[in-house]
Amino acid sequence: MMQKRLKRFIRWRTMHLNDKQYMLILSVVVGVLAALSAIVIKNTAHYIKELLTSSFSSQYANLLYIVYPAIGILLAVLFIKYIVKQEPGHGIPGVLYAISRKNGIIKAHNMFSAIISSAFTVGFGGSVGLEGPTVSTGAAIGSNLGQTLRLNFKQITLMISLASAAAMAAIFQSPIAGIVFAIEVIMIDLTMASIVPLLIASSTAVLTSYFVLGKAVMYPVFLHDPFVLANIPYYAVLGVLAGLLSVYFTRVYLLTERFFSWLTSWWQRFLVGSVILGLLIFLFPSLYGEGYEAINNSLQGNYSDLFNNSIFFPYKDIGWVVFLLFLAVIMVKAIATSVTFGAGGVGGIFAPALFMGAFTGLFFAVVTNHLELGSLNPSKFAMVGMAGMIAGILHAPLTGIFLIAEITQGYELFVPLMVVSTISFATVKIFMQNSVYTYQLAKRGELLTHNKDRAVLNLMKVNKLIETDFSIVAPEATMGDLVKIIARSKRNIFPVVDQQNVFLGHILLDDIRTIMFDIDLYPTSVENLMVSPTYVIKPDDSMEEVASKFQVSGKYNIPVLEKGQYMGYISRANVFSSYRKKLSEISDD
């Protein structure tokens, strides 16, 4: 019955709505659905946290901080392993991979699996955020809605981008930042075909969030003093510091990921990660969960979260202990976030970036004031520190600028936000060309970028371009046998392949054209006529490598070999025609 109604609707749509009108309507639907998923995931995690920790005293450490994260991660792992029975999409990197390698197809379970698993992880204390799972859930909604409505690749990609922007806009009640995020991180092209649906989806998501949650500033900061031009050097130094800490975070994340990949079973990863995480949160309770309260307090110039609920509470009035706690919390946050992922937890890195940024900016201002090197407003520097870490860790300076300006209503600090974000991003680029989101994809040559040529090549697949209509010649054949094969063939290359399908070389028609009618040479073995190709293509080569081989070699056909086994040839003409076809599929009007 549902299938019949769907087919009837699709037929009606074809007759009454053009593609642009249809996408504008769908952008409203996606905006509402993505916003509702963001609200559910945020409220569920916060409810779990309040249920578990509301009775804790700020003056005493609590051993439950060791246990809670392990329970949450275990619930998340068991849910994914035995209920979903499929690997979830890995947050925003999973979204980027689906666009670049899966034609925008995201499995249906991702519409709910990330909500449940991340709520368990974060609610029980996993030191990660909810933004990544929220975006991946929204993207899954956009992808599956597009698949159900029989949209093409270009439209499904736009749906994923709309849903991702809407999810980000809803969770922060920040429409502009949602749009900028889709452009910078999801890497959607900014054209009229995409900007209007993005505006509609983001604004719809924020309105839905207002309707359900009310209109509230996520991090309320009220700044009455104007921007001080003389403080620009301090902002520049903070930008460099944020950039260096972003490099530190990224490298810790990648090293930890590599370490946990050496552990062969999920329970080993769970045990090691949970023990490390539990001990870190016991020592530094501000690392628990997203750190929403700690960030808010930092923006008020309050650093009491450094020692509340911890064994360090008795030392809260000793200056040098406070400074050491600042450094410890900032540096350890990267480790806590990384081991949460390594243990099997599900979450995002937006909140950890905001946490590290707020504490970094606050620490910088407090130390500067203590050493009498300046008179800085700690709240301001905590705010711009958040933008600097978003710019550095995510490689998204514009997202950092607009997100912090919107969620804190700190528009008076636009220039400092620009200074810190730009310098942080420039500093990171000296050491890291890719963010934690894109590092593995770029390493495998699977990353879509704003470079149109690279984007199109990354969407093409080697195994789809292999041609197999070449006449194979056995190595024991003679030139007389080869002439008969040539008479039946439409190609001018003849691969020499043995009975085990091992490629030995090939014979080019141009090489034997002058001697192929000399009957006296017919007994000559083809092994004396074949040549080894200068270049070969492997099935796991990226299309960028394939295109480079054609450009450098000047060849029109290159053999494809897998561990020496013959698979076929790829032709320059086929690559070019496929490139043109794929370009037309993804290009906007």
Protein backbone atom coordinates (compact mmCIF):
# COMPACT_ATOMS: atom_id res chain seq x y z
CA MET A 1 0.00 0.00 0.00
CA MET A 2 2.79 2.42 0.95
CA GLN A 3 4.68 1.63 -2.23
CA LYS A 4 1.62 2.40 -4.35
CA ARG A 5 1.08 5.72 -2.58
CA LEU A 6 4.75 6.59 -2.99
CA LYS A 7 4.65 5.84 -6.73
CA ARG A 8 1.47 7.90 -7.06
CA PHE A 9 3.10 10.80 -5.24
CA ILE A 10 6.25 10.63 -7.38
CA ARG A 11 4.12 10.68 -10.55
CA TRP A 12 2.15 13.66 -9.22
CA ARG A 13 5.36 15.47 -8.32
CA THR A 14 6.80 14.92 -11.80
CA MET A 15 3.74 16.54 -13.38
CA HIS A 16 3.27 19.46 -10.96
CA LEU A 17 6.66 20.41 -9.49
CA ASN A 18 10.03 21.06 -11.09
CA ASP A 19 13.25 20.02 -9.35
CA LYS A 20 13.94 23.42 -7.79
CA GLN A 21 10.46 23.73 -6.32
CA TYR A 22 10.64 20.18 -5.04
CA MET A 23 13.99 20.73 -3.29
CA LEU A 24 12.68 23.90 -1.62
CA ILE A 25 9.77 21.95 -0.17
CA LEU A 26 12.03 19.10 0.92
CA SER A 27 14.40 21.55 2.62
CA VAL A 28 11.57 22.46 5.03
CA VAL A 29 10.85 18.79 5.74
CA VAL A 30 14.55 18.02 6.29
CA GLY A 31 14.94 21.07 8.53
CA VAL A 32 12.12 19.94 10.84
CA LEU A 33 13.24 16.29 11.00
CA ALA A 34 16.91 17.15 11.61
CA ALA A 35 15.95 19.63 14.33
CA LEU A 36 13.76 17.07 16.11
CA SER A 37 16.60 14.52 16.05
CA ALA A 38 18.98 17.15 17.50
CA ILE A 39 16.53 17.95 20.30
CA VAL A 40 15.99 14.27 21.16
CA ILE A 41 19.69 13.46 21.28
CA LYS A 42 20.58 16.54 23.37
CA ASN A 43 17.77 16.15 25.89
CA THR A 44 18.28 12.40 26.30
CA ALA A 45 21.99 12.76 27.11
CA HIS A 46 21.36 15.66 29.52
CA TYR A 47 18.58 13.76 31.28
CA ILE A 48 20.86 10.76 31.83
CA LYS A 49 23.63 13.00 33.18
CA GLU A 50 21.29 14.79 35.59
CA LEU A 51 19.89 11.49 36.78
CA LEU A 52 23.37 10.16 37.55
CA THR A 53 25.24 13.17 38.96
CA SER A 54 22.73 15.68 40.35
CA SER A 55 23.31 14.46 43.93
CA PHE A 56 27.13 14.73 43.81
CA SER A 57 28.75 17.20 46.23
CA SER A 58 31.19 19.67 44.69
CA GLN A 59 33.48 19.40 47.71
CA TYR A 60 34.24 15.69 47.45
CA ALA A 61 35.56 13.30 44.84
CA ASN A 62 33.24 10.48 43.83
CA LEU A 63 34.36 6.99 42.83
CA LEU A 64 31.30 6.65 40.57
CA TYR A 65 33.17 8.85 38.06
CA ILE A 66 35.37 5.81 37.41
CA VAL A 67 32.42 3.48 36.85
CA TYR A 68 29.86 5.57 34.96
CA PRO A 69 31.81 6.07 31.70
CA ALA A 70 32.50 2.33 31.44
CA ILE A 71 28.77 1.54 31.83
CA GLY A 72 27.79 4.06 29.16
CA ILE A 73 30.37 2.87 26.64
CA LEU A 74 29.48 -0.77 27.30
CA LEU A 75 25.79 -0.05 26.69
CA ALA A 76 26.68 1.76 23.46
CA VAL A 77 28.95 -1.08 22.26
CA LEU A 78 26.41 -3.80 23.09
CA PHE A 79 23.61 -1.85 21.42
CA ILE A 80 25.62 -1.46 18.22
CA LYS A 81 27.04 -4.98 18.24
CA TYR A 82 23.99 -7.05 19.21
CA ILE A 83 20.92 -4.93 18.41
CA VAL A 84 21.89 -2.86 15.39
CA LYS A 85 24.40 -5.55 14.32
CA GLN A 86 26.07 -3.10 11.95
CA GLU A 87 28.85 -0.60 12.33
CA PRO A 88 27.44 2.92 12.76
CA GLY A 89 28.55 5.74 10.49
CA HIS A 90 31.57 7.36 12.12
CA GLY A 91 30.04 10.80 12.64
CA ILE A 92 31.03 13.52 10.21
CA PRO A 93 33.85 11.47 8.56
CA GLY A 94 31.19 8.83 7.84
CA VAL A 95 29.04 11.47 6.14
CA LEU A 96 31.97 12.64 4.00
CA TYR A 97 32.80 9.01 3.09
CA ALA A 98 29.17 8.32 2.09
CA ILE A 99 29.22 11.28 -0.28
CA SER A 100 32.60 10.46 -1.83
CA ARG A 101 32.36 6.67 -2.04
CA LYS A 102 28.77 5.53 -1.50
CA ASN A 103 26.90 7.87 -3.85
CA GLY A 104 25.37 9.52 -0.82
CA ILE A 105 23.82 6.26 0.43
CA ILE A 106 23.71 6.07 4.25
CA LYS A 107 22.17 3.01 5.88
CA ALA A 108 18.76 3.48 7.49
CA HIS A 109 19.86 2.39 10.98
CA ASN A 110 22.01 5.53 11.24
CA MET A 111 18.79 7.53 11.65
CA PHE A 112 18.47 6.18 15.19
CA SER A 113 21.60 4.21 16.15
CA ALA A 114 23.78 7.28 16.70
CA ILE A 115 21.10 8.90 18.85
CA ILE A 116 20.93 5.98 21.29
CA SER A 117 24.63 5.06 21.35
CA SER A 118 25.84 8.66 21.77
CA ALA A 119 23.25 9.39 24.47
CA PHE A 120 24.60 6.41 26.44
CA THR A 121 28.20 7.45 25.83
CA VAL A 122 27.87 11.15 26.71
CA GLY A 123 25.17 10.82 29.39
CA PHE A 124 27.31 8.38 31.36
CA GLY A 125 30.37 10.59 31.08
CA GLY A 126 32.18 9.81 27.84
CA SER A 127 34.35 12.86 27.17
CA VAL A 128 32.95 13.63 23.71
CA GLY A 129 30.20 15.80 22.23
CA LEU A 130 26.80 15.25 20.66
CA GLU A 131 27.29 17.40 17.57
CA GLY A 132 28.93 14.72 15.39
CA PRO A 133 26.21 12.10 16.04
CA THR A 134 23.54 14.79 15.58
CA VAL A 135 24.96 15.76 12.19
CA SER A 136 25.36 12.12 11.10
CA THR A 137 21.78 11.38 12.19
CA GLY A 138 20.52 14.36 10.22
CA ALA A 139 22.58 13.30 7.22
CA ALA A 140 21.12 9.77 7.43
CA ILE A 141 17.62 11.26 7.49
CA GLY A 142 18.41 13.37 4.42
CA SER A 143 19.98 10.44 2.56
CA ASN A 144 17.18 7.96 3.29
CA LEU A 145 14.47 10.48 2.49
CA GLY A 146 16.24 11.14 -0.81
CA GLN A 147 16.50 7.40 -1.55
CA THR A 148 12.82 6.85 -0.74
CA LEU A 149 11.78 9.69 -3.05
CA ARG A 150 14.04 8.34 -5.85
CA LEU A 151 16.27 11.41 -6.01
CA ASN A 152 19.47 11.38 -8.06
CA PHE A 153 23.00 11.61 -6.66
CA LYS A 154 23.22 15.39 -6.90
CA GLN A 155 19.91 15.81 -5.08
CA ILE A 156 20.75 13.24 -2.39
CA THR A 157 24.07 15.00 -1.76
CA LEU A 158 22.20 18.28 -1.37
CA MET A 159 19.73 16.59 1.01
CA ILE A 160 22.63 15.35 3.15
CA SER A 161 24.12 18.84 3.24
CA LEU A 162 20.76 20.41 4.11
CA ALA A 163 20.18 17.95 6.94
CA SER A 164 23.73 18.41 8.28
CA ALA A 165 23.37 22.19 8.28
CA ALA A 166 19.92 21.95 9.88
CA ALA A 167 21.16 19.62 12.63
CA MET A 168 24.04 21.96 13.47
CA ALA A 169 21.75 25.00 13.34
CA ALA A 170 19.21 23.36 15.65
CA ILE A 171 21.61 22.06 18.28
CA PHE A 172 23.21 25.51 18.70
CA GLN A 173 20.19 27.60 17.56
CA SER A 174 22.65 29.13 15.12
CA PRO A 175 21.37 29.29 11.49
CA ILE A 176 24.33 31.09 9.91
CA ALA A 177 26.86 28.76 11.51
CA GLY A 178 24.86 25.79 10.20
CA ILE A 179 25.14 27.08 6.64
CA VAL A 180 28.84 27.91 6.98
CA PHE A 181 29.44 24.45 8.47
CA ALA A 182 27.86 22.79 5.42
CA ILE A 183 30.09 24.82 3.13
CA GLU A 184 33.36 24.41 5.06
CA VAL A 185 33.09 20.91 6.52
CA ILE A 186 30.56 19.02 4.37
CA MET A 187 32.10 20.92 1.42
CA ILE A 188 28.93 21.69 -0.49
CA ASP A 189 29.42 24.15 -3.35
CA LEU A 190 27.92 27.57 -2.66
CA THR A 191 25.62 28.15 -5.65
CA MET A 192 22.13 29.54 -5.99
CA ALA A 193 20.86 25.97 -6.37
CA SER A 194 22.16 25.17 -2.87
CA ILE A 195 22.17 28.45 -0.93
CA VAL A 196 18.39 28.99 -0.94
CA PRO A 197 17.58 25.43 0.28
CA LEU A 198 20.35 25.81 2.90
CA LEU A 199 18.79 29.02 4.15
CA ILE A 200 15.35 27.42 4.34
CA ALA A 201 16.57 24.21 6.04
CA SER A 202 18.67 26.08 8.65
CA SER A 203 16.01 28.64 9.48
CA THR A 204 13.34 25.92 9.69
CA ALA A 205 15.53 23.90 12.04
CA VAL A 206 16.17 26.88 14.32
CA LEU A 207 12.46 27.79 14.39
CA THR A 208 11.64 24.19 15.30
CA SER A 209 14.24 24.33 18.08
CA TYR A 210 12.75 27.62 19.34
CA PHE A 211 9.26 26.12 19.31
CA VAL A 212 10.29 23.05 21.34
CA LEU A 213 13.04 24.42 23.61
CA GLY A 214 12.33 28.13 23.65
CA LYS A 215 14.64 30.89 22.50
CA ALA A 216 17.68 30.75 24.74
CA VAL A 217 21.34 31.64 24.30
CA MET A 218 23.38 28.46 24.71
CA TYR A 219 26.33 30.20 26.37
CA PRO A 220 24.98 33.49 27.82
CA VAL A 221 27.71 36.13 28.03
CA PHE A 222 26.88 39.81 28.43
CA LEU A 223 29.72 42.06 27.35
CA HIS A 224 29.42 45.75 28.13
CA ASP A 225 32.96 46.95 27.47
CA PRO A 226 33.89 47.60 23.82
CA PHE A 227 36.59 45.91 21.79
CA VAL A 228 40.03 47.24 22.78
CA LEU A 229 42.37 47.70 19.81
CA ALA A 230 45.46 47.51 22.06
CA ASN A 231 44.60 43.87 22.88
CA ILE A 232 45.15 42.67 19.30
CA PRO A 233 48.68 41.35 20.09
CA TYR A 234 47.21 39.24 22.90
CA TYR A 235 44.59 37.83 20.52
CA ALA A 236 47.34 37.03 18.01
CA VAL A 237 49.31 35.10 20.65
CA LEU A 238 46.14 33.25 21.66
CA GLY A 239 45.61 32.34 18.00
CA VAL A 240 49.06 30.76 17.79
CA LEU A 241 48.47 28.92 21.09
CA ALA A 242 45.09 27.62 19.87
CA GLY A 243 46.71 26.45 16.64
CA LEU A 244 49.46 24.56 18.45
CA LEU A 245 46.94 22.95 20.81
CA SER A 246 44.85 21.96 17.79
CA VAL A 247 47.88 20.20 16.31
CA TYR A 248 48.40 18.49 19.68
CA PHE A 249 44.75 17.36 19.80
CA THR A 250 44.85 16.01 16.24
CA ARG A 251 48.07 14.07 16.77
CA VAL A 252 46.90 12.62 20.09
CA TYR A 253 43.66 11.58 18.41
CA LEU A 254 45.45 9.86 15.51
CA LEU A 255 48.05 8.17 17.75
CA THR A 256 45.33 6.90 20.07
CA GLU A 257 43.33 5.60 17.12
CA ARG A 258 46.43 3.73 15.92
CA PHE A 259 47.06 2.30 19.40
CA PHE A 260 43.53 0.95 19.76
CA SER A 261 43.66 -0.53 16.26
CA TRP A 262 46.41 -2.86 17.55
CA LEU A 263 43.95 -4.35 20.08
CA THR A 264 42.24 -7.15 18.20
CA SER A 265 38.95 -7.57 20.08
CA TRP A 266 36.27 -5.09 21.09
CA TRP A 267 36.38 -6.08 24.77
CA GLN A 268 40.14 -5.38 24.95
CA ARG A 269 39.56 -1.92 23.50
CA PHE A 270 36.64 -1.40 25.89
CA LEU A 271 38.57 -2.46 29.00
CA VAL A 272 41.71 -0.44 28.24
CA GLY A 273 39.81 2.66 27.15
CA SER A 274 37.26 2.56 29.99
CA VAL A 275 39.90 2.18 32.69
CA ILE A 276 41.95 5.11 31.35
CA LEU A 277 38.87 7.29 30.86
CA GLY A 278 37.41 6.49 34.29
CA LEU A 279 40.66 7.40 36.05
CA LEU A 280 40.99 10.65 34.09
CA ILE A 281 37.43 11.73 34.91
CA PHE A 282 37.89 10.80 38.57
CA LEU A 283 40.95 13.05 38.74
CA PHE A 284 39.42 15.82 36.59
CA PRO A 285 35.59 15.66 36.82
CA SER A 286 35.21 18.61 34.44
CA LEU A 287 36.04 16.11 31.66
CA TYR A 288 32.71 14.33 32.29
CA GLY A 289 30.50 14.35 29.18
CA GLU A 290 30.23 17.41 26.95
CA GLY A 291 31.45 19.79 29.63
CA TYR A 292 28.55 22.19 29.00
CA GLU A 293 28.55 23.60 32.55
CA ALA A 294 32.34 23.91 32.61
CA ILE A 295 32.29 25.87 29.35
CA ASN A 296 29.53 28.17 30.63
CA ASN A 297 31.41 28.84 33.84
CA SER A 298 34.59 29.56 31.87
CA LEU A 299 32.74 32.16 29.82
CA GLN A 300 31.83 33.89 33.10
CA GLY A 301 35.50 33.92 34.10
CA ASN A 302 34.82 31.17 36.64
CA TYR A 303 37.29 28.25 36.76
CA SER A 304 35.82 26.43 39.77
CA ASP A 305 35.17 23.36 37.60
CA LEU A 306 38.89 22.67 37.71
CA PHE A 307 38.62 21.41 41.27
CA ASN A 308 34.89 20.88 42.00
CA ASN A 309 34.01 17.22 42.77
CA SER A 310 37.71 16.35 42.69
CA ILE A 311 40.50 15.39 45.06
CA PHE A 312 42.02 18.82 44.38
CA PHE A 313 39.15 20.77 45.99
CA PRO A 314 41.12 21.52 49.23
CA TYR A 315 43.80 23.27 47.11
CA LYS A 316 41.46 25.60 45.20
CA ASP A 317 42.95 28.73 46.75
CA ILE A 318 46.58 27.92 45.94
CA GLY A 319 47.57 29.80 42.79
CA TRP A 320 50.22 27.49 41.39
CA VAL A 321 47.92 24.46 41.86
CA VAL A 322 45.19 26.23 39.90
CA PHE A 323 47.61 26.94 37.03
CA LEU A 324 48.78 23.32 36.97
CA LEU A 325 45.16 22.14 36.95
CA PHE A 326 44.46 24.45 34.01
CA LEU A 327 47.31 22.92 32.02
CA ALA A 328 46.40 19.38 33.05
CA VAL A 329 42.73 19.69 32.10
CA ILE A 330 43.50 21.28 28.73
CA MET A 331 46.10 18.67 27.80
CA VAL A 332 44.25 15.66 29.23
CA LYS A 333 40.98 16.57 27.47
CA ALA A 334 42.49 15.45 24.15
CA ILE A 335 43.44 12.08 25.69
CA ALA A 336 40.03 11.62 27.34
CA THR A 337 38.21 12.33 24.08
CA SER A 338 40.47 10.00 22.09
CA VAL A 339 40.19 7.06 24.51
CA THR A 340 36.40 7.48 24.61
CA PHE A 341 36.36 6.80 20.88
CA GLY A 342 38.99 4.07 21.21
CA ALA A 343 36.94 2.23 23.85
CA GLY A 344 33.94 2.12 21.52
CA GLY A 345 32.05 5.24 22.55
CA VAL A 346 30.06 7.25 20.02
CA GLY A 347 30.25 11.04 19.95
CA GLY A 348 31.72 14.09 18.29
CA ILE A 349 34.68 16.44 18.70
CA PHE A 350 32.84 19.76 18.48
CA ALA A 351 32.22 19.93 22.23
CA PRO A 352 35.80 18.90 23.14
CA ALA A 353 37.05 21.66 20.82
CA LEU A 354 34.78 24.20 22.54
CA PHE A 355 35.88 22.92 25.96
CA MET A 356 39.59 23.17 25.21
CA GLY A 357 39.12 26.56 23.58
CA ALA A 358 37.21 28.04 26.52
CA PHE A 359 39.74 26.81 29.08
CA THR A 360 42.69 27.85 26.90
CA GLY A 361 41.38 31.39 26.49
CA LEU A 362 40.53 31.68 30.17
CA PHE A 363 43.92 30.31 31.22
CA PHE A 364 45.71 32.73 28.90
CA ALA A 365 43.84 35.72 30.34
CA VAL A 366 44.24 34.62 33.97
CA VAL A 367 48.00 34.03 33.62
CA THR A 368 48.50 37.31 31.73
CA ASN A 369 46.66 39.24 34.44
CA HIS A 370 48.46 37.38 37.24
CA LEU A 371 51.87 38.19 35.76
CA GLU A 372 50.73 41.80 35.25
CA LEU A 373 51.51 41.59 31.54
CA GLY A 374 48.13 43.08 30.71
CA SER A 375 44.60 43.62 31.94
CA LEU A 376 42.44 41.19 29.97
CA ASN A 377 38.77 40.28 30.23
CA PRO A 378 38.75 36.50 30.91
CA SER A 379 35.25 36.05 29.44
CA LYS A 380 36.28 37.58 26.11
CA PHE A 381 39.35 35.43 25.81
CA ALA A 382 37.41 32.27 26.72
CA MET A 383 34.98 33.08 23.90
CA VAL A 384 37.58 33.73 21.22
CA GLY A 385 39.56 30.71 22.43
CA MET A 386 36.60 28.51 21.49
CA ALA A 387 36.60 29.95 17.97
CA GLY A 388 40.35 29.37 17.70
CA MET A 389 40.06 25.68 18.59
CA ILE A 390 37.13 25.12 16.21
CA ALA A 391 39.18 26.75 13.45
CA GLY A 392 42.24 24.65 14.29
CA ILE A 393 40.81 21.21 15.08
CA LEU A 394 38.07 21.21 12.43
CA HIS A 395 39.98 23.36 9.90
CA ALA A 396 36.86 25.53 9.78
CA PRO A 397 37.70 29.16 10.66
CA LEU A 398 34.44 30.62 9.36
CA THR A 399 32.41 28.09 11.33
CA GLY A 400 34.35 29.05 14.46
CA ILE A 401 33.76 32.76 13.91
CA PHE A 402 30.03 32.62 13.21
CA LEU A 403 29.25 29.82 15.66
CA ILE A 404 30.80 31.58 18.65
CA ALA A 405 29.37 34.96 17.66
CA GLU A 406 25.87 33.49 17.38
CA ILE A 407 25.74 31.13 20.36
CA THR A 408 27.17 33.73 22.74
CA GLN A 409 25.64 36.83 21.15
CA GLY A 410 29.17 38.18 21.20
CA TYR A 411 29.07 40.17 17.97
CA GLU A 412 31.17 42.92 19.56
CA LEU A 413 34.11 40.51 19.30
CA PHE A 414 33.90 39.87 15.57
CA VAL A 415 37.36 41.29 14.87
CA PRO A 416 39.09 39.33 17.68
CA LEU A 417 37.20 36.19 16.56
CA MET A 418 38.55 36.71 13.04
CA VAL A 419 42.10 37.34 14.27
CA VAL A 420 42.25 34.29 16.55
CA SER A 421 40.50 31.92 14.09
CA THR A 422 42.62 32.96 11.13
CA ILE A 423 45.93 32.72 13.00
CA SER A 424 44.96 29.40 14.58
CA PHE A 425 44.03 27.96 11.17
CA ALA A 426 47.23 29.26 9.58
CA THR A 427 49.30 27.78 12.41
CA VAL A 428 47.67 24.37 12.08
CA LYS A 429 48.21 24.32 8.32
CA ILE A 430 51.96 24.50 8.87
CA PHE A 431 51.85 21.09 10.57
CA MET A 432 48.62 19.37 9.44
CA GLN A 433 47.09 19.57 5.98
CA ASN A 434 43.91 17.75 7.04
CA SER A 435 41.63 17.81 10.06
CA VAL A 436 40.66 14.85 12.23
CA TYR A 437 37.52 14.62 10.08
CA THR A 438 39.36 14.34 6.79
CA TYR A 439 42.78 12.87 7.61
CA GLN A 440 41.98 9.21 6.90
CA LEU A 441 39.82 10.01 3.85
CA ALA A 442 42.55 12.21 2.36
CA LYS A 443 45.16 9.52 3.09
CA ARG A 444 43.09 7.00 1.09
CA GLY A 445 42.35 9.53 -1.67
CA GLU A 446 38.62 9.47 -0.88
CA LEU A 447 38.09 13.06 0.18
CA LEU A 448 35.81 15.39 -1.73
CA THR A 449 37.02 18.98 -1.74
CA HIS A 450 36.00 22.29 -3.28
CA ASN A 451 38.50 21.49 -6.07
CA LYS A 452 36.03 20.38 -8.76
CA ASP A 453 38.53 18.21 -10.66
CA ARG A 454 39.56 16.29 -7.54
CA ALA A 455 35.96 15.98 -6.40
CA VAL A 456 34.87 14.42 -9.70
CA LEU A 457 37.87 12.08 -9.82
CA ASN A 458 37.23 10.92 -6.26
CA LEU A 459 33.65 10.05 -7.18
CA MET A 460 34.85 7.83 -10.03
CA LYS A 461 35.80 4.21 -9.32
CA VAL A 462 38.55 2.23 -11.04
CA ASN A 463 36.57 -1.03 -11.23
CA LYS A 464 33.76 0.73 -13.11
CA LEU A 465 36.13 1.78 -15.90
CA ILE A 466 37.83 -1.56 -16.65
CA GLU A 467 37.30 -2.81 -20.21
CA THR A 468 37.60 -6.55 -20.81
CA ASP A 469 36.91 -6.89 -24.56
CA PHE A 470 40.59 -7.45 -25.39
CA SER A 471 41.62 -10.67 -27.11
CA ILE A 472 43.94 -12.64 -24.83
CA VAL A 473 46.97 -14.41 -26.31
CA ALA A 474 48.56 -17.48 -24.69
CA PRO A 475 52.35 -17.27 -24.15
CA GLU A 476 52.92 -20.50 -26.15
CA ALA A 477 51.14 -19.07 -29.22
CA THR A 478 53.01 -18.13 -32.39
CA MET A 479 52.78 -15.08 -34.58
CA GLY A 480 50.68 -17.15 -36.99
CA ASP A 481 48.16 -17.74 -34.20
CA LEU A 482 48.31 -14.04 -33.36
CA VAL A 483 47.44 -13.01 -36.92
CA LYS A 484 44.25 -15.09 -36.74
CA ILE A 485 43.35 -13.45 -33.42
CA ILE A 486 44.00 -10.00 -34.90
CA ALA A 487 41.63 -10.76 -37.74
CA ARG A 488 38.77 -11.30 -35.27
CA SER A 489 39.63 -8.48 -32.86
CA LYS A 490 38.46 -4.88 -32.80
CA ARG A 491 41.25 -3.70 -30.48
CA ASN A 492 44.90 -2.96 -31.20
CA ILE A 493 46.38 -4.31 -27.95
CA PHE A 494 46.71 -8.01 -27.16
CA PRO A 495 47.49 -9.03 -23.56
CA VAL A 496 49.66 -12.12 -23.12
CA VAL A 497 48.23 -14.10 -20.19
CA ASP A 498 49.10 -17.60 -19.00
CA GLN A 499 46.72 -20.29 -17.74
CA GLN A 500 46.92 -18.94 -14.16
CA ASN A 501 45.71 -15.54 -15.46
CA VAL A 502 49.13 -14.01 -14.78
CA PHE A 503 49.82 -11.01 -17.02
CA LEU A 504 53.16 -11.45 -18.85
CA GLY A 505 53.09 -8.47 -21.19
CA HIS A 506 51.21 -7.27 -24.23
CA ILE A 507 51.61 -6.95 -27.98
CA LEU A 508 50.87 -3.66 -29.70
CA LEU A 509 49.52 -3.86 -33.22
CA ASP A 510 51.64 -0.88 -34.27
CA ASP A 511 54.79 -2.78 -33.23
CA ILE A 512 54.16 -5.77 -35.51
CA ARG A 513 52.27 -4.11 -38.37
CA THR A 514 55.30 -4.20 -40.71
CA ILE A 515 56.07 -7.90 -40.11
CA MET A 516 52.68 -9.51 -39.50
CA PHE A 517 52.24 -10.55 -43.13
CA ASP A 518 55.70 -12.11 -43.42
CA ILE A 519 54.80 -15.81 -43.48
CA ASP A 520 58.37 -16.84 -42.76
CA LEU A 521 58.05 -15.26 -39.31
CA TYR A 522 54.81 -17.03 -38.39
CA PRO A 523 56.58 -19.68 -36.25
CA THR A 524 57.98 -16.88 -34.02
CA SER A 525 56.77 -17.15 -30.41
CA VAL A 526 54.62 -14.28 -29.15
CA GLU A 527 56.90 -14.10 -26.12
CA ASN A 528 59.52 -12.64 -28.47
CA LEU A 529 57.04 -10.04 -29.68
CA MET A 530 55.46 -8.87 -26.43
CA VAL A 531 56.64 -5.90 -24.37
CA SER A 532 56.19 -5.03 -20.72
CA PRO A 533 54.03 -1.98 -20.06
CA THR A 534 55.74 1.01 -18.48
CA TYR A 535 52.71 1.78 -16.35
CA VAL A 536 50.07 -0.44 -14.76
CA ILE A 537 46.97 0.40 -12.74
CA LYS A 538 45.98 -1.36 -9.51
CA PRO A 539 42.32 -1.69 -8.49
CA ASP A 540 42.95 0.26 -5.28
CA ASP A 541 44.62 3.19 -7.08
CA SER A 542 42.80 6.49 -6.69
CA MET A 543 41.40 8.05 -9.84
CA GLU A 544 43.77 10.95 -9.31
CA GLU A 545 46.68 8.49 -9.62
CA VAL A 546 45.09 6.93 -12.69
CA ALA A 547 44.66 10.30 -14.38
CA SER A 548 48.26 11.17 -13.52
CA LYS A 549 49.52 7.94 -15.12
CA PHE A 550 47.72 8.74 -18.36
CA GLN A 551 49.07 12.28 -18.33
CA VAL A 552 52.68 11.30 -17.63
CA SER A 553 52.82 8.26 -19.91
CA GLY A 554 50.88 9.65 -22.86
CA LYS A 555 49.34 6.15 -23.29
CA TYR A 556 45.79 5.57 -24.52
CA ASN A 557 45.34 2.23 -22.73
CA ILE A 558 46.92 0.98 -19.49
CA PRO A 559 46.50 -2.56 -18.11
CA VAL A 560 44.83 -3.17 -14.74
CA LEU A 561 46.56 -5.80 -12.60
CA GLU A 562 45.76 -7.12 -9.15
CA LYS A 563 48.80 -8.82 -7.64
CA GLY A 564 49.99 -9.67 -11.15
CA GLN A 565 46.60 -11.06 -12.21
CA TYR A 566 45.14 -9.66 -15.43
CA MET A 567 41.83 -7.78 -15.04
CA GLY A 568 41.53 -5.70 -18.22
CA TYR A 569 42.47 -2.24 -19.47
CA ILE A 570 41.41 1.30 -18.74
CA SER A 571 41.38 3.68 -21.68
CA ARG A 572 42.03 7.40 -21.66
CA ALA A 573 38.82 7.93 -23.68
CA ASN A 574 36.73 6.03 -21.12
CA VAL A 575 38.21 8.03 -18.23
CA PHE A 576 37.45 11.30 -20.00
CA SER A 577 33.87 10.35 -20.95
CA SER A 578 33.19 9.09 -17.40
CA TYR A 579 34.65 12.30 -16.01
CA ARG A 580 32.31 14.40 -18.18
CA LYS A 581 29.32 12.30 -17.17
CA LYS A 582 30.10 12.50 -13.45
CA LEU A 583 30.75 16.24 -13.70
CA SER A 584 27.28 16.74 -15.21
CA GLU A 585 25.78 14.68 -12.37
CA ILE A 586 27.24 16.77 -9.55
CA SER A 587 27.34 20.22 -11.13
CA ASP A 588 24.64 22.67 -10.16
CA ASP A 589 22.74 24.74 -12.66
